[in-house]
Protein backbone atom coordinates (compact mmCIF):
# COMPACT_ATOMS: atom_id res chain seq x y z
CA MET A 1 -4.09 17.54 16.73
CA GLU A 2 -6.09 16.56 19.81
CA ASP A 3 -8.98 18.66 18.57
CA VAL A 4 -9.49 16.66 15.55
CA ASP A 5 -10.40 13.06 14.40
CA ILE A 6 -8.41 12.28 11.38
CA ILE A 7 -10.16 10.61 8.62
CA TYR A 8 -7.50 10.07 6.08
CA HIS A 9 -4.12 11.53 5.04
CA ASN A 10 -1.36 11.15 2.37
CA ASP A 11 1.72 12.94 1.54
CA THR A 12 -0.17 15.96 0.08
CA GLY A 13 -2.92 16.51 2.57
CA ILE A 14 -5.21 15.44 5.46
CA SER A 15 -8.96 15.21 6.11
CA PHE A 16 -10.46 15.36 9.50
CA LYS A 17 -13.51 16.26 11.46
CA TRP A 18 -13.32 18.79 14.42
CA LYS A 19 -14.32 17.14 17.66
CA ASN A 20 -17.59 17.96 19.12
CA GLY A 21 -17.59 21.12 21.54
CA ILE A 22 -15.22 23.04 19.36
CA ALA A 23 -16.74 26.50 18.58
CA ASN A 24 -18.02 27.35 15.05
CA THR A 25 -17.63 23.78 13.88
CA SER A 26 -20.20 21.44 12.61
CA GLU A 27 -20.16 17.67 13.27
CA ASN A 28 -21.34 17.01 9.55
CA ARG A 29 -18.61 19.02 7.84
CA VAL A 30 -15.20 17.60 6.81
CA GLN A 31 -12.04 19.77 6.92
CA LEU A 32 -9.93 18.86 3.88
CA VAL A 33 -6.56 20.52 3.78
CA PHE A 34 -3.87 20.13 0.95
CA LYS A 35 -0.96 22.32 0.02
CA ASP A 36 -1.94 25.73 1.39
CA MET A 37 -5.78 25.41 0.83
CA GLY A 38 -8.45 24.12 3.28
CA PHE A 39 -12.03 23.36 2.45
CA TYR A 40 -14.61 22.90 5.17
CA LEU A 41 -17.13 20.72 3.29
CA LEU A 42 -20.30 18.66 3.75
CA PRO A 43 -20.08 14.98 2.80
CA GLU A 44 -22.05 15.73 -0.54
CA GLU A 45 -19.53 18.42 -1.31
CA VAL A 46 -16.67 15.91 -0.92
CA VAL A 47 -18.42 13.62 -3.33
CA LEU A 48 -18.87 16.61 -5.83
CA PHE A 49 -15.33 17.31 -5.49
CA SER A 50 -14.53 13.64 -6.33
CA GLU A 51 -16.67 13.98 -9.39
CA ASN A 52 -15.02 17.18 -10.58
CA ILE A 53 -11.53 15.40 -10.10
CA GLN A 54 -12.77 12.47 -12.42
CA ILE A 55 -13.94 15.05 -15.06
CA ALA A 56 -10.56 16.83 -14.82
CA LYS A 57 -8.60 13.54 -15.32
CA HIS A 58 -10.92 12.65 -18.14
CA ARG A 59 -10.15 15.91 -20.01
CA ASN A 60 -6.41 15.09 -19.51
CA PRO A 61 -5.98 11.30 -20.28
CA ASN A 62 -2.24 11.74 -21.06
CA CYS A 63 -1.58 12.87 -17.60
CA SER A 64 -3.20 10.08 -15.65
CA ARG A 65 0.06 8.21 -14.99
CA CYS A 66 2.21 11.27 -14.18
CA VAL A 67 4.80 10.63 -11.44
CA SER A 68 6.90 13.78 -11.76
CA SER A 69 5.68 17.16 -10.47
CA GLU A 70 8.83 18.84 -11.75
CA ILE A 71 8.16 18.24 -15.38
CA CYS A 72 4.51 19.28 -15.52
CA GLU A 73 3.09 22.60 -15.69
CA ARG A 74 -0.05 23.50 -13.81
CA ASP A 75 -2.18 23.25 -16.88
CA ILE A 76 -5.22 21.29 -15.45
CA LEU A 77 -8.11 23.33 -14.18
CA LEU A 78 -9.73 21.66 -11.25
CA LYS A 79 -13.26 22.83 -10.18
CA SER A 80 -13.50 23.02 -6.44
CA PRO A 81 -16.79 22.03 -4.74
CA LEU A 82 -17.30 25.74 -4.09
CA GLN A 83 -19.14 27.45 -6.90
CA LYS A 84 -16.85 30.42 -7.41
CA MET A 85 -13.46 28.67 -6.94
CA ASP A 86 -11.34 26.66 -9.28
CA PHE A 87 -7.50 26.18 -9.18
CA ALA A 88 -4.76 25.01 -11.52
CA VAL A 89 -2.87 21.81 -10.62
CA ASN A 90 -0.52 19.49 -12.57
CA ALA A 91 -1.19 15.89 -13.09
CA PHE A 92 0.83 14.73 -10.10
CA GLU A 93 -1.12 17.11 -7.73
CA LEU A 94 -4.36 15.97 -9.22
CA ASN A 95 -3.50 12.36 -8.54
CA GLU A 96 -2.58 13.14 -4.92
CA ILE A 97 -5.81 15.26 -4.44
CA CYS A 98 -7.80 12.44 -5.97
CA ASP A 99 -6.23 9.87 -3.46
CA LEU A 100 -7.00 12.22 -0.60
CA VAL A 101 -10.67 12.88 -1.51
CA GLU A 102 -11.24 9.19 -2.52
CA GLY A 103 -9.65 7.84 0.62
CA THR A 104 -11.75 10.38 2.67
CA ILE A 105 -14.95 9.26 0.87
CA PHE A 106 -14.10 5.57 1.57
CA LYS A 107 -13.41 6.06 5.33
CA MET A 108 -16.62 8.18 5.73
CA ARG A 109 -18.73 5.53 4.12
CA LEU A 110 -16.98 2.82 6.10
CA HIS A 111 -17.52 4.67 9.25
CA TYR A 112 -21.20 5.11 8.50
CA TYR A 113 -21.63 1.47 7.59
CA LEU A 114 -19.98 0.27 10.80
CA GLU A 115 -21.82 3.00 12.95
CA PHE A 116 -25.37 2.55 11.41
CA GLU A 117 -25.82 -0.14 8.84
CA SER A 118 -23.94 -3.11 10.41
CA LYS A 119 -26.00 -3.01 13.63
CA ASN A 120 -28.82 -5.41 13.65
C-alpha cells in the first residue's frame, strides 16, 4: 500500500489515488475498489456514480434500511459510471457502496478545499 494515497475505506471497499511516478496512472483519477471490482474514475465519474446510486435507492425505497445481506436477493440494478456496465446488488451492498462513494466525494472535496480554496 506504499504506492497509494488512501482517500476513504469501509468494510466493503477502498478508494485511493496512485502516487505520482507510477506507470500508466493519472493523478486525476481515483481507484475505487469494492468486492471483486475496481474502477479507475475521473472525479466527475465518481459524482455520476453517486447520482446513479441515489437513483437506484429511489427506485427501491423499501430497501433503504436493509441491514442483512443474507436475506436480500441481488435484485437492484446499479448503473456504473461506465456506459456499458451495470451490475446487480442487494440493498445492503448498495448502502455500503453508497457510503464508499459518498465518503470518497467528501474527502476529495475536503482535500480540494484545504489545498486550493482555503489559502488566502
